[in-house]
Amino acid sequence: MNTTPGSAVPDADVHVRHNFDHFTRSYLLSVVNDRIIEEHRTKPEGHHSEPLTRFLNWCHTRPLDEQYVVIHRNDGSFQVARLSGKPRVPPTPLEGQTYTTVREARHAVFLHHIKDLTGK
């Protein structure tokens, strides 16, 4: 367990964050299903169901080195990249598919977050 610098007392914030993350992940694993994947694919913006809203909030609050971005390439296509979480270090494009629309690329980002959550 982490401690505050110069102290042997455990950092309660780290403990609380760890527990919150554990409960959040457990909840999200129970609601991620084909229905919310399809909901996001057909309507990525706007109002969503509660499970999809919670999942999207989790995606947006992940640490920077666990975040994805969409890169608009010179040829007009889009590609998904992962942030490094470090200043002045550019995102790393993920190998594989490029997308013809930003909407398709954003859905791919959504699917990457699901993969990170489920490990599949």
PDB file of N, CA and C in Angstrom:
ATOM      1  N   MET A   1       0.845  -1.172   0.000  1.00  0.00           N
ATOM      2  CA  MET A   1       0.000   0.000   0.000  1.00  0.00           C
ATOM      3  C   MET A   1       0.888   1.231   0.000  1.00  0.00           C
ATOM      4  N   ASN A   2       0.494   2.269  -0.725  1.00  0.00           N
ATOM      5  CA  ASN A   2       1.281   3.497  -0.811  1.00  0.00           C
ATOM      6  C   ASN A   2       1.196   4.284   0.486  1.00  0.00           C
ATOM      7  N   THR A   3       2.269   5.019   0.751  1.00  0.00           N
ATOM      8  CA  THR A   3       2.286   5.883   1.928  1.00  0.00           C
ATOM      9  C   THR A   3       2.569   7.299   1.475  1.00  0.00           C
ATOM     10  N   THR A   4       2.197   8.239   2.310  1.00  0.00           N
ATOM     11  CA  THR A   4       2.496   9.631   2.061  1.00  0.00           C
ATOM     12  C   THR A   4       3.996   9.819   2.225  1.00  0.00           C
ATOM     13  N   PRO A   5       4.651  10.625   1.331  1.00  0.00           N
ATOM     14  CA  PRO A   5       6.102  10.828   1.463  1.00  0.00           C
ATOM     15  C   PRO A   5       6.476  11.296   2.867  1.00  0.00           C
ATOM     16  N   GLY A   6       7.500  10.680   3.445  1.00  0.00           N
ATOM     17  CA  GLY A   6       7.975  11.041   4.772  1.00  0.00           C
ATOM     18  C   GLY A   6       7.109  10.501   5.897  1.00  0.00           C
ATOM     19  N   SER A   7       6.201   9.576   5.578  1.00  0.00           N
ATOM     20  CA  SER A   7       5.298   9.048   6.597  1.00  0.00           C
ATOM     21  C   SER A   7       5.121   7.554   6.384  1.00  0.00           C
ATOM     22  N   ALA A   8       4.909   6.834   7.464  1.00  0.00           N
ATOM     23  CA  ALA A   8       4.650   5.400   7.362  1.00  0.00           C
ATOM     24  C   ALA A   8       3.151   5.119   7.344  1.00  0.00           C
ATOM     25  N   VAL A   9       2.341   6.193   7.340  1.00  0.00           N
ATOM     26  CA  VAL A   9       0.888   6.042   7.350  1.00  0.00           C
ATOM     27  C   VAL A   9       0.409   5.765   5.924  1.00  0.00           C
ATOM     28  N   PRO A  10      -0.376   4.706   5.731  1.00  0.00           N
ATOM     29  CA  PRO A  10      -0.882   4.415   4.388  1.00  0.00           C
ATOM     30  C   PRO A  10      -1.700   5.579   3.830  1.00  0.00           C
ATOM     31  N   ASP A  11      -1.579   5.814   2.541  1.00  0.00           N
ATOM     32  CA  ASP A  11      -2.316   6.872   1.869  1.00  0.00           C
ATOM     33  C   ASP A  11      -3.760   6.405   1.669  1.00  0.00           C
ATOM     34  N   ALA A  12      -4.671   6.974   2.433  1.00  0.00           N
ATOM     35  CA  ALA A  12      -6.075   6.558   2.394  1.00  0.00           C
ATOM     36  C   ALA A  12      -6.689   6.811   1.033  1.00  0.00           C
ATOM     37  N   ASP A  13      -6.254   7.858   0.322  1.00  0.00           N
ATOM     38  CA  ASP A  13      -6.798   8.152  -1.004  1.00  0.00           C
ATOM     39  C   ASP A  13      -6.549   7.003  -1.972  1.00  0.00           C
ATOM     40  N   VAL A  14      -5.370   6.425  -1.905  1.00  0.00           N
ATOM     41  CA  VAL A  14      -5.038   5.301  -2.785  1.00  0.00           C
ATOM     42  C   VAL A  14      -5.940   4.117  -2.458  1.00  0.00           C
ATOM     43  N   HIS A  15      -6.143   3.859  -1.184  1.00  0.00           N
ATOM     44  CA  HIS A  15      -6.996   2.748  -0.752  1.00  0.00           C
ATOM     45  C   HIS A  15      -8.435   2.964  -1.228  1.00  0.00           C
ATOM     46  N   VAL A  16      -8.966   4.158  -1.029  1.00  0.00           N
ATOM     47  CA  VAL A  16     -10.336   4.462  -1.438  1.00  0.00           C
ATOM     48  C   VAL A  16     -10.466   4.351  -2.950  1.00  0.00           C
ATOM     49  N   ARG A  17      -9.506   4.877  -3.688  1.00  0.00           N
ATOM     50  CA  ARG A  17      -9.551   4.814  -5.152  1.00  0.00           C
ATOM     51  C   ARG A  17      -9.527   3.362  -5.626  1.00  0.00           C
ATOM     52  N   HIS A  18      -8.694   2.549  -5.005  1.00  0.00           N
ATOM     53  CA  HIS A  18      -8.613   1.131  -5.371  1.00  0.00           C
ATOM     54  C   HIS A  18      -9.963   0.442  -5.146  1.00  0.00           C
ATOM     55  N   ASN A  19     -10.585   0.677  -3.989  1.00  0.00           N
ATOM     56  CA  ASN A  19     -11.890   0.067  -3.705  1.00  0.00           C
ATOM     57  C   ASN A  19     -12.962   0.563  -4.656  1.00  0.00           C
ATOM     58  N   PHE A  20     -12.976   1.868  -4.920  1.00  0.00           N
ATOM     59  CA  PHE A  20     -13.950   2.434  -5.843  1.00  0.00           C
ATOM     60  C   PHE A  20     -13.787   1.809  -7.230  1.00  0.00           C
ATOM     61  N   ASP A  21     -12.549   1.696  -7.694  1.00  0.00           N
ATOM     62  CA  ASP A  21     -12.283   1.104  -9.004  1.00  0.00           C
ATOM     63  C   ASP A  21     -12.734  -0.356  -9.043  1.00  0.00           C
ATOM     64  N   HIS A  22     -12.494  -1.088  -7.980  1.00  0.00           N
ATOM     65  CA  HIS A  22     -12.915  -2.493  -7.920  1.00  0.00           C
ATOM     66  C   HIS A  22     -14.435  -2.617  -8.050  1.00  0.00           C
ATOM     67  N   PHE A  23     -15.169  -1.822  -7.283  1.00  0.00           N
ATOM     68  CA  PHE A  23     -16.638  -1.882  -7.336  1.00  0.00           C
ATOM     69  C   PHE A  23     -17.170  -1.395  -8.681  1.00  0.00           C
ATOM     70  N   THR A  24     -16.554  -0.361  -9.217  1.00  0.00           N
ATOM     71  CA  THR A  24     -16.981   0.154 -10.519  1.00  0.00           C
ATOM     72  C   THR A  24     -16.774  -0.891 -11.606  1.00  0.00           C
ATOM     73  N   ARG A  25     -15.611  -1.509 -11.624  1.00  0.00           N
ATOM     74  CA  ARG A  25     -15.340  -2.548 -12.626  1.00  0.00           C
ATOM     75  C   ARG A  25     -16.300  -3.729 -12.482  1.00  0.00           C
ATOM     76  N   SER A  26     -16.585  -4.111 -11.257  1.00  0.00           N
ATOM     77  CA  SER A  26     -17.535  -5.217 -11.046  1.00  0.00           C
ATOM     78  C   SER A  26     -18.897  -4.872 -11.613  1.00  0.00           C
ATOM     79  N   TYR A  27     -19.354  -3.664 -11.349  1.00  0.00           N
ATOM     80  CA  TYR A  27     -20.650  -3.232 -11.891  1.00  0.00           C
ATOM     81  C   TYR A  27     -20.608  -3.220 -13.423  1.00  0.00           C
ATOM     82  N   LEU A  28     -19.575  -2.622 -13.985  1.00  0.00           N
ATOM     83  CA  LEU A  28     -19.499  -2.511 -15.449  1.00  0.00           C
ATOM     84  C   LEU A  28     -19.440  -3.887 -16.116  1.00  0.00           C
ATOM     85  N   LEU A  29     -18.723  -4.813 -15.515  1.00  0.00           N
ATOM     86  CA  LEU A  29     -18.674  -6.167 -16.070  1.00  0.00           C
ATOM     87  C   LEU A  29     -20.056  -6.812 -16.080  1.00  0.00           C
ATOM     88  N   SER A  30     -20.905  -6.424 -15.125  1.00  0.00           N
ATOM     89  CA  SER A  30     -22.243  -7.009 -15.068  1.00  0.00           C
ATOM     90  C   SER A  30     -23.202  -6.395 -16.095  1.00  0.00           C
ATOM     91  N   VAL A  31     -22.869  -5.207 -16.630  1.00  0.00           N
ATOM     92  CA  VAL A  31     -23.802  -4.553 -17.562  1.00  0.00           C
ATOM     93  C   VAL A  31     -23.304  -4.490 -18.998  1.00  0.00           C
ATOM     94  N   VAL A  32     -22.019  -4.756 -19.216  1.00  0.00           N
ATOM     95  CA  VAL A  32     -21.519  -4.725 -20.601  1.00  0.00           C
ATOM     96  C   VAL A  32     -22.074  -5.937 -21.328  1.00  0.00           C
ATOM     97  N   ASN A  33     -22.825  -5.659 -22.367  1.00  0.00           N
ATOM     98  CA  ASN A  33     -23.439  -6.737 -23.146  1.00  0.00           C
ATOM     99  C   ASN A  33     -23.669  -6.248 -24.576  1.00  0.00           C
ATOM    100  N   ASP A  34     -24.193  -7.119 -25.402  1.00  0.00           N
ATOM    101  CA  ASP A  34     -24.425  -6.764 -26.805  1.00  0.00           C
ATOM    102  C   ASP A  34     -25.381  -5.592 -26.955  1.00  0.00           C
ATOM    103  N   ARG A  35     -26.322  -5.457 -26.018  1.00  0.00           N
ATOM    104  CA  ARG A  35     -27.309  -4.376 -26.120  1.00  0.00           C
ATOM    105  C   ARG A  35     -26.657  -3.000 -25.988  1.00  0.00           C
ATOM    106  N   ILE A  36     -25.751  -2.817 -25.009  1.00  0.00           N
ATOM    107  CA  ILE A  36     -25.141  -1.488 -24.894  1.00  0.00           C
ATOM    108  C   ILE A  36     -24.099  -1.257 -25.984  1.00  0.00           C
ATOM    109  N   ILE A  37     -23.487  -2.321 -26.486  1.00  0.00           N
ATOM    110  CA  ILE A  37     -22.568  -2.162 -27.615  1.00  0.00           C
ATOM    111  C   ILE A  37     -23.346  -1.672 -28.833  1.00  0.00           C
ATOM    112  N   GLU A  38     -24.491  -2.265 -29.083  1.00  0.00           N
ATOM    113  CA  GLU A  38     -25.323  -1.840 -30.211  1.00  0.00           C
ATOM    114  C   GLU A  38     -25.871  -0.427 -29.988  1.00  0.00           C
ATOM    115  N   GLU A  39     -26.248  -0.112 -28.768  1.00  0.00           N
ATOM    116  CA  GLU A  39     -26.727   1.245 -28.463  1.00  0.00           C
ATOM    117  C   GLU A  39     -25.649   2.270 -28.792  1.00  0.00           C
ATOM    118  N   HIS A  40     -24.404   1.987 -28.418  1.00  0.00           N
ATOM    119  CA  HIS A  40     -23.323   2.918 -28.715  1.00  0.00           C
ATOM    120  C   HIS A  40     -23.053   2.985 -30.223  1.00  0.00           C
ATOM    121  N   ARG A  41     -23.109   1.856 -30.888  1.00  0.00           N
ATOM    122  CA  ARG A  41     -22.842   1.848 -32.337  1.00  0.00           C
ATOM    123  C   ARG A  41     -23.868   2.697 -33.089  1.00  0.00           C
ATOM    124  N   THR A  42     -25.129   2.586 -32.705  1.00  0.00           N
ATOM    125  CA  THR A  42     -26.181   3.303 -33.434  1.00  0.00           C
ATOM    126  C   THR A  42     -26.354   4.748 -32.970  1.00  0.00           C
ATOM    127  N   LYS A  43     -25.954   5.047 -31.725  1.00  0.00           N
ATOM    128  CA  LYS A  43     -26.149   6.401 -31.196  1.00  0.00           C
ATOM    129  C   LYS A  43     -25.002   6.750 -30.249  1.00  0.00           C
ATOM    130  N   PRO A  44     -23.831   7.055 -30.813  1.00  0.00           N
ATOM    131  CA  PRO A  44     -22.671   7.316 -29.951  1.00  0.00           C
ATOM    132  C   PRO A  44     -22.745   8.646 -29.191  1.00  0.00           C
ATOM    133  N   GLU A  45     -23.535   9.600 -29.673  1.00  0.00           N
ATOM    134  CA  GLU A  45     -23.687  10.885 -28.984  1.00  0.00           C
ATOM    135  C   GLU A  45     -25.095  11.005 -28.419  1.00  0.00           C
ATOM    136  N   GLY A  46     -25.250  11.927 -27.482  1.00  0.00           N
ATOM    137  CA  GLY A  46     -26.580  12.204 -26.939  1.00  0.00           C
ATOM    138  C   GLY A  46     -26.846  11.458 -25.648  1.00  0.00           C
ATOM    139  N   HIS A  47     -28.128  11.358 -25.324  1.00  0.00           N
ATOM    140  CA  HIS A  47     -28.535  10.673 -24.094  1.00  0.00           C
ATOM    141  C   HIS A  47     -28.484   9.162 -24.292  1.00  0.00           C
ATOM    142  N   HIS A  48     -28.012   8.471 -23.246  1.00  0.00           N
ATOM    143  CA  HIS A  48     -27.874   7.017 -23.303  1.00  0.00           C
ATOM    144  C   HIS A  48     -28.559   6.384 -22.110  1.00  0.00           C
ATOM    145  N   SER A  49     -28.672   5.057 -22.184  1.00  0.00           N
ATOM    146  CA  SER A  49     -29.176   4.305 -21.036  1.00  0.00           C
ATOM    147  C   SER A  49     -28.208   4.485 -19.867  1.00  0.00           C
ATOM    148  N   GLU A  50     -28.674   4.195 -18.663  1.00  0.00           N
ATOM    149  CA  GLU A  50     -27.817   4.341 -17.490  1.00  0.00           C
ATOM    150  C   GLU A  50     -26.559   3.471 -17.577  1.00  0.00           C
ATOM    151  N   PRO A  51     -26.671   2.184 -17.964  1.00  0.00           N
ATOM    152  CA  PRO A  51     -25.441   1.378 -18.037  1.00  0.00           C
ATOM    153  C   PRO A  51     -24.419   1.940 -19.035  1.00  0.00           C
ATOM    154  N   LEU A  52     -24.889   2.392 -20.191  1.00  0.00           N
ATOM    155  CA  LEU A  52     -23.946   2.944 -21.171  1.00  0.00           C
ATOM    156  C   LEU A  52     -23.358   4.250 -20.660  1.00  0.00           C
ATOM    157  N   THR A  53     -24.150   5.084 -20.040  1.00  0.00           N
ATOM    158  CA  THR A  53     -23.646   6.339 -19.480  1.00  0.00           C
ATOM    159  C   THR A  53     -22.565   6.072 -18.443  1.00  0.00           C
ATOM    160  N   ARG A  54     -22.796   5.118 -17.575  1.00  0.00           N
ATOM    161  CA  ARG A  54     -21.789   4.792 -16.550  1.00  0.00           C
ATOM    162  C   ARG A  54     -20.508   4.254 -17.184  1.00  0.00           C
ATOM    163  N   PHE A  55     -20.670   3.417 -18.198  1.00  0.00           N
ATOM    164  CA  PHE A  55     -19.484   2.883 -18.872  1.00  0.00           C
ATOM    165  C   PHE A  55     -18.697   4.009 -19.540  1.00  0.00           C
ATOM    166  N   LEU A  56     -19.383   4.911 -20.229  1.00  0.00           N
ATOM    167  CA  LEU A  56     -18.703   6.027 -20.890  1.00  0.00           C
ATOM    168  C   LEU A  56     -18.023   6.939 -19.875  1.00  0.00           C
ATOM    169  N   ASN A  57     -18.668   7.171 -18.736  1.00  0.00           N
ATOM    170  CA  ASN A  57     -18.030   7.972 -17.684  1.00  0.00           C
ATOM    171  C   ASN A  57     -16.752   7.303 -17.194  1.00  0.00           C
ATOM    172  N   TRP A  58     -16.783   5.990 -17.034  1.00  0.00           N
ATOM    173  CA  TRP A  58     -15.579   5.256 -16.621  1.00  0.00           C
ATOM    174  C   TRP A  58     -14.480   5.418 -17.675  1.00  0.00           C
ATOM    175  N   CYS A  59     -14.853   5.306 -18.939  1.00  0.00           N
ATOM    176  CA  CYS A  59     -13.862   5.455 -20.024  1.00  0.00           C
ATOM    177  C   CYS A  59     -13.187   6.820 -19.962  1.00  0.00           C
ATOM    178  N   HIS A  60     -13.987   7.853 -19.720  1.00  0.00           N
ATOM    179  CA  HIS A  60     -13.471   9.227 -19.734  1.00  0.00           C
ATOM    180  C   HIS A  60     -12.631   9.564 -18.512  1.00  0.00           C
ATOM    181  N   THR A  61     -12.745   8.782 -17.463  1.00  0.00           N
ATOM    182  CA  THR A  61     -11.990   9.092 -16.243  1.00  0.00           C
ATOM    183  C   THR A  61     -10.823   8.140 -16.002  1.00  0.00           C
ATOM    184  N   ARG A  62     -10.527   7.309 -16.973  1.00  0.00           N
ATOM    185  CA  ARG A  62      -9.381   6.410 -16.828  1.00  0.00           C
ATOM    186  C   ARG A  62      -8.087   7.217 -16.850  1.00  0.00           C
ATOM    187  N   PRO A  63      -7.009   6.692 -16.280  1.00  0.00           N
ATOM    188  CA  PRO A  63      -5.719   7.393 -16.346  1.00  0.00           C
ATOM    189  C   PRO A  63      -5.310   7.648 -17.805  1.00  0.00           C
ATOM    190  N   LEU A  64      -4.551   8.703 -18.021  1.00  0.00           N
ATOM    191  CA  LEU A  64      -4.185   9.077 -19.391  1.00  0.00           C
ATOM    192  C   LEU A  64      -3.503   7.960 -20.167  1.00  0.00           C
ATOM    193  N   ASP A  65      -2.667   7.172 -19.504  1.00  0.00           N
ATOM    194  CA  ASP A  65      -1.973   6.107 -20.228  1.00  0.00           C
ATOM    195  C   ASP A  65      -2.890   4.930 -20.561  1.00  0.00           C
ATOM    196  N   GLU A  66      -4.161   5.019 -20.175  1.00  0.00           N
ATOM    197  CA  GLU A  66      -5.151   4.004 -20.531  1.00  0.00           C
ATOM    198  C   GLU A  66      -6.213   4.582 -21.471  1.00  0.00           C
ATOM    199  N   GLN A  67      -5.960   5.772 -21.990  1.00  0.00           N
ATOM    200  CA  GLN A  67      -6.909   6.458 -22.868  1.00  0.00           C
ATOM    201  C   GLN A  67      -6.551   6.241 -24.339  1.00  0.00           C
ATOM    202  N   TYR A  68      -7.567   6.364 -25.175  1.00  0.00           N
ATOM    203  CA  TYR A  68      -7.408   6.245 -26.625  1.00  0.00           C
ATOM    204  C   TYR A  68      -7.832   7.551 -27.280  1.00  0.00           C
ATOM    205  N   VAL A  69      -7.283   7.799 -28.444  1.00  0.00           N
ATOM    206  CA  VAL A  69      -7.661   8.955 -29.243  1.00  0.00           C
ATOM    207  C   VAL A  69      -7.873   8.505 -30.678  1.00  0.00           C
ATOM    208  N   VAL A  70      -8.562   9.349 -31.431  1.00  0.00           N
ATOM    209  CA  VAL A  70      -8.760   9.109 -32.858  1.00  0.00           C
ATOM    210  C   VAL A  70      -7.859  10.075 -33.612  1.00  0.00           C
ATOM    211  N   ILE A  71      -7.071   9.545 -34.513  1.00  0.00           N
ATOM    212  CA  ILE A  71      -6.159  10.346 -35.320  1.00  0.00           C
ATOM    213  C   ILE A  71      -6.727  10.444 -36.734  1.00  0.00           C
ATOM    214  N   HIS A  72      -6.791  11.680 -37.245  1.00  0.00           N
ATOM    215  CA  HIS A  72      -7.222  11.906 -38.623  1.00  0.00           C
ATOM    216  C   HIS A  72      -5.970  11.885 -39.500  1.00  0.00           C
ATOM    217  N   ARG A  73      -5.871  10.891 -40.356  1.00  0.00           N
ATOM    218  CA  ARG A  73      -4.667  10.702 -41.166  1.00  0.00           C
ATOM    219  C   ARG A  73      -4.701  11.573 -42.426  1.00  0.00           C
ATOM    220  N   ASN A  74      -3.533  11.740 -43.034  1.00  0.00           N
ATOM    221  CA  ASN A  74      -3.419  12.570 -44.237  1.00  0.00           C
ATOM    222  C   ASN A  74      -4.273  12.070 -45.390  1.00  0.00           C
ATOM    223  N   ASP A  75      -4.520  10.770 -45.456  1.00  0.00           N
ATOM    224  CA  ASP A  75      -5.313  10.220 -46.557  1.00  0.00           C
ATOM    225  C   ASP A  75      -6.821  10.342 -46.311  1.00  0.00           C
ATOM    226  N   GLY A  76      -7.206  10.990 -45.202  1.00  0.00           N
ATOM    227  CA  GLY A  76      -8.623  11.183 -44.901  1.00  0.00           C
ATOM    228  C   GLY A  76      -9.228  10.096 -44.033  1.00  0.00           C
ATOM    229  N   SER A  77      -8.487   9.025 -43.776  1.00  0.00           N
ATOM    230  CA  SER A  77      -8.999   7.952 -42.923  1.00  0.00           C
ATOM    231  C   SER A  77      -8.708   8.280 -41.460  1.00  0.00           C
ATOM    232  N   PHE A  78      -9.218   7.454 -40.580  1.00  0.00           N
ATOM    233  CA  PHE A  78      -9.052   7.658 -39.145  1.00  0.00           C
ATOM    234  C   PHE A  78      -8.427   6.405 -38.547  1.00  0.00           C
ATOM    235  N   GLN A  79      -7.631   6.603 -37.509  1.00  0.00           N
ATOM    236  CA  GLN A  79      -6.969   5.487 -36.838  1.00  0.00           C
ATOM    237  C   GLN A  79      -7.031   5.707 -35.328  1.00  0.00           C
ATOM    238  N   VAL A  80      -7.102   4.620 -34.604  1.00  0.00           N
ATOM    239  CA  VAL A  80      -7.122   4.672 -33.143  1.00  0.00           C
ATOM    240  C   VAL A  80      -5.686   4.613 -32.633  1.00  0.00           C
ATOM    241  N   ALA A  81      -5.396   5.435 -31.611  1.00  0.00           N
ATOM    242  CA  ALA A  81      -4.070   5.440 -30.996  1.00  0.00           C
ATOM    243  C   ALA A  81      -4.241   5.477 -29.485  1.00  0.00           C
ATOM    244  N   ARG A  82      -3.203   5.058 -28.792  1.00  0.00           N
ATOM    245  CA  ARG A  82      -3.222   5.063 -27.322  1.00  0.00           C
ATOM    246  C   ARG A  82      -2.298   6.163 -26.820  1.00  0.00           C
ATOM    247  N   LEU A  83      -2.787   6.905 -25.819  1.00  0.00           N
ATOM    248  CA  LEU A  83      -1.961   7.947 -25.225  1.00  0.00           C
ATOM    249  C   LEU A  83      -0.872   7.328 -24.357  1.00  0.00           C
ATOM    250  N   SER A  84       0.257   8.021 -24.274  1.00  0.00           N
ATOM    251  CA  SER A  84       1.360   7.530 -23.441  1.00  0.00           C
ATOM    252  C   SER A  84       1.171   7.934 -21.982  1.00  0.00           C
ATOM    253  N   GLY A  85       0.476   9.041 -21.763  1.00  0.00           N
ATOM    254  CA  GLY A  85       0.335   9.553 -20.413  1.00  0.00           C
ATOM    255  C   GLY A  85       1.537  10.359 -19.970  1.00  0.00           C
ATOM    256  N   LYS A  86       2.483  10.580 -20.891  1.00  0.00           N
ATOM    257  CA  LYS A  86       3.702  11.323 -20.574  1.00  0.00           C
ATOM    258  C   LYS A  86       3.762  12.576 -21.437  1.00  0.00           C
ATOM    259  N   PRO A  87       4.199  13.695 -20.858  1.00  0.00           N
ATOM    260  CA  PRO A  87       4.313  14.923 -21.635  1.00  0.00           C
ATOM    261  C   PRO A  87       5.270  14.759 -22.823  1.00  0.00           C
ATOM    262  N   ARG A  88       4.914  15.340 -23.928  1.00  0.00           N
ATOM    263  CA  ARG A  88       5.731  15.389 -25.153  1.00  0.00           C
ATOM    264  C   ARG A  88       5.978  14.024 -25.796  1.00  0.00           C
ATOM    265  N   VAL A  89       5.240  12.992 -25.354  1.00  0.00           N
ATOM    266  CA  VAL A  89       5.329  11.676 -25.992  1.00  0.00           C
ATOM    267  C   VAL A  89       4.046  11.489 -26.792  1.00  0.00           C
ATOM    268  N   PRO A  90       4.173  11.376 -28.120  1.00  0.00           N
ATOM    269  CA  PRO A  90       2.966  11.302 -28.949  1.00  0.00           C
ATOM    270  C   PRO A  90       2.200   9.995 -28.744  1.00  0.00           C
ATOM    271  N   PRO A  91       0.909  10.004 -29.112  1.00  0.00           N
ATOM    272  CA  PRO A  91       0.123   8.764 -29.034  1.00  0.00           C
ATOM    273  C   PRO A  91       0.713   7.691 -29.937  1.00  0.00           C
ATOM    274  N   THR A  92       0.525   6.438 -29.560  1.00  0.00           N
ATOM    275  CA  THR A  92       0.999   5.309 -30.349  1.00  0.00           C
ATOM    276  C   THR A  92      -0.165   4.733 -31.144  1.00  0.00           C
ATOM    277  N   PRO A  93      -0.116   4.867 -32.492  1.00  0.00           N
ATOM    278  CA  PRO A  93      -1.208   4.292 -33.295  1.00  0.00           C
ATOM    279  C   PRO A  93      -1.276   2.780 -33.097  1.00  0.00           C
ATOM    280  N   LEU A  94      -2.502   2.270 -32.988  1.00  0.00           N
ATOM    281  CA  LEU A  94      -2.681   0.832 -32.868  1.00  0.00           C
ATOM    282  C   LEU A  94      -2.608   0.216 -34.258  1.00  0.00           C
ATOM    283  N   GLU A  95      -1.897  -0.870 -34.337  1.00  0.00           N
ATOM    284  CA  GLU A  95      -1.765  -1.548 -35.618  1.00  0.00           C
ATOM    285  C   GLU A  95      -3.106  -2.087 -36.061  1.00  0.00           C
ATOM    286  N   GLY A  96      -3.291  -2.134 -37.353  1.00  0.00           N
ATOM    287  CA  GLY A  96      -4.521  -2.743 -37.849  1.00  0.00           C
ATOM    288  C   GLY A  96      -5.371  -1.779 -38.620  1.00  0.00           C
ATOM    289  N   GLN A  97      -6.623  -1.830 -38.318  1.00  0.00           N
ATOM    290  CA  GLN A  97      -7.647  -1.203 -39.119  1.00  0.00           C
ATOM    291  C   GLN A  97      -7.636   0.322 -39.084  1.00  0.00           C
ATOM    292  N   THR A  98      -7.968   0.891 -40.240  1.00  0.00           N
ATOM    293  CA  THR A  98      -8.275   2.308 -40.325  1.00  0.00           C
ATOM    294  C   THR A  98      -9.765   2.417 -40.628  1.00  0.00           C
ATOM    295  N   TYR A  99     -10.319   3.582 -40.383  1.00  0.00           N
ATOM    296  CA  TYR A  99     -11.762   3.774 -40.493  1.00  0.00           C
ATOM    297  C   TYR A  99     -12.068   4.916 -41.444  1.00  0.00           C
ATOM    298  N   THR A 100     -13.188   4.815 -42.135  1.00  0.00           N
ATOM    299  CA  THR A 100     -13.546   5.848 -43.104  1.00  0.00           C
ATOM    300  C   THR A 100     -14.267   7.023 -42.462  1.00  0.00           C
ATOM    301  N   THR A 101     -14.878   6.816 -41.309  1.00  0.00           N
ATOM    302  CA  THR A 101     -15.562   7.907 -40.616  1.00  0.00           C
ATOM    303  C   THR A 101     -15.078   8.003 -39.177  1.00  0.00           C
ATOM    304  N   VAL A 102     -15.180   9.209 -38.632  1.00  0.00           N
ATOM    305  CA  VAL A 102     -14.790   9.404 -37.239  1.00  0.00           C
ATOM    306  C   VAL A 102     -15.743   8.631 -36.317  1.00  0.00           C
ATOM    307  N   ARG A 103     -16.984   8.478 -36.729  1.00  0.00           N
ATOM    308  CA  ARG A 103     -17.957   7.730 -35.917  1.00  0.00           C
ATOM    309  C   ARG A 103     -17.536   6.269 -35.771  1.00  0.00           C
ATOM    310  N   GLU A 104     -17.077   5.651 -36.861  1.00  0.00           N
ATOM    311  CA  GLU A 104     -16.592   4.263 -36.794  1.00  0.00           C
ATOM    312  C   GLU A 104     -15.366   4.172 -35.884  1.00  0.00           C
ATOM    313  N   ALA A 105     -14.474   5.147 -35.991  1.00  0.00           N
ATOM    314  CA  ALA A 105     -13.258   5.142 -35.170  1.00  0.00           C
ATOM    315  C   ALA A 105     -13.593   5.314 -33.691  1.00  0.00           C
ATOM    316  N   ARG A 106     -14.559   6.185 -33.385  1.00  0.00           N
ATOM    317  CA  ARG A 106     -14.955   6.374 -31.988  1.00  0.00           C
ATOM    318  C   ARG A 106     -15.590   5.107 -31.420  1.00  0.00           C
ATOM    319  N   HIS A 107     -16.335   4.396 -32.247  1.00  0.00           N
ATOM    320  CA  HIS A 107     -16.905   3.130 -31.775  1.00  0.00           C
ATOM    321  C   HIS A 107     -15.779   2.110 -31.536  1.00  0.00           C
ATOM    322  N   ALA A 108     -14.758   2.145 -32.372  1.00  0.00           N
ATOM    323  CA  ALA A 108     -13.612   1.257 -32.161  1.00  0.00           C
ATOM    324  C   ALA A 108     -12.930   1.567 -30.829  1.00  0.00           C
ATOM    325  N   VAL A 109     -12.820   2.848 -30.485  1.00  0.00           N
ATOM    326  CA  VAL A 109     -12.267   3.241 -29.182  1.00  0.00           C
ATOM    327  C   VAL A 109     -13.116   2.637 -28.062  1.00  0.00           C
ATOM    328  N   PHE A 110     -14.433   2.745 -28.205  1.00  0.00           N
ATOM    329  CA  PHE A 110     -15.367   2.165 -27.238  1.00  0.00           C
ATOM    330  C   PHE A 110     -15.096   0.675 -27.068  1.00  0.00           C
ATOM    331  N   LEU A 111     -14.916  -0.029 -28.176  1.00  0.00           N
ATOM    332  CA  LEU A 111     -14.660  -1.474 -28.119  1.00  0.00           C
ATOM    333  C   LEU A 111     -13.310  -1.785 -27.468  1.00  0.00           C
ATOM    334  N   HIS A 112     -12.324  -0.919 -27.673  1.00  0.00           N
ATOM    335  CA  HIS A 112     -11.028  -1.109 -27.002  1.00  0.00           C
ATOM    336  C   HIS A 112     -11.175  -0.972 -25.486  1.00  0.00           C
ATOM    337  N   HIS A 113     -12.004  -0.025 -25.050  1.00  0.00           N
ATOM    338  CA  HIS A 113     -12.239   0.121 -23.606  1.00  0.00           C
ATOM    339  C   HIS A 113     -12.916  -1.136 -23.046  1.00  0.00           C
ATOM    340  N   ILE A 114     -13.850  -1.699 -23.809  1.00  0.00           N
ATOM    341  CA  ILE A 114     -14.503  -2.939 -23.358  1.00  0.00           C
ATOM    342  C   ILE A 114     -13.466  -4.059 -23.252  1.00  0.00           C
ATOM    343  N   LYS A 115     -12.606  -4.138 -24.246  1.00  0.00           N
ATOM    344  CA  LYS A 115     -11.553  -5.158 -24.221  1.00  0.00           C
ATOM    345  C   LYS A 115     -10.645  -4.971 -23.004  1.00  0.00           C
ATOM    346  N   ASP A 116     -10.315  -3.726 -22.692  1.00  0.00           N
ATOM    347  CA  ASP A 116      -9.484  -3.471 -21.507  1.00  0.00           C
ATOM    348  C   ASP A 116     -10.203  -3.898 -20.224  1.00  0.00           C
ATOM    349  N   LEU A 117     -11.500  -3.648 -20.166  1.00  0.00           N
ATOM    350  CA  LEU A 117     -12.272  -3.992 -18.972  1.00  0.00           C
ATOM    351  C   LEU A 117     -12.391  -5.503 -18.813  1.00  0.00           C
ATOM    352  N   THR A 118     -12.716  -6.186 -19.900  1.00  0.00           N
ATOM    353  CA  THR A 118     -13.006  -7.620 -19.818  1.00  0.00           C
ATOM    354  C   THR A 118     -11.771  -8.494 -19.971  1.00  0.00           C
ATOM    355  N   GLY A 119     -10.712  -7.948 -20.559  1.00  0.00           N
ATOM    356  CA  GLY A 119      -9.528  -8.743 -20.817  1.00  0.00           C
ATOM    357  C   GLY A 119      -9.693  -9.668 -22.008  1.00  0.00           C
ATOM    358  N   LYS A 120     -10.758  -9.465 -22.790  1.00  0.00           N
ATOM    359  CA  LYS A 120     -11.025 -10.311 -23.960  1.00  0.00           C
ATOM    360  C   LYS A 120     -10.792  -9.551 -25.232  1.00  0.00           C
TER     361      LYS A 120
END
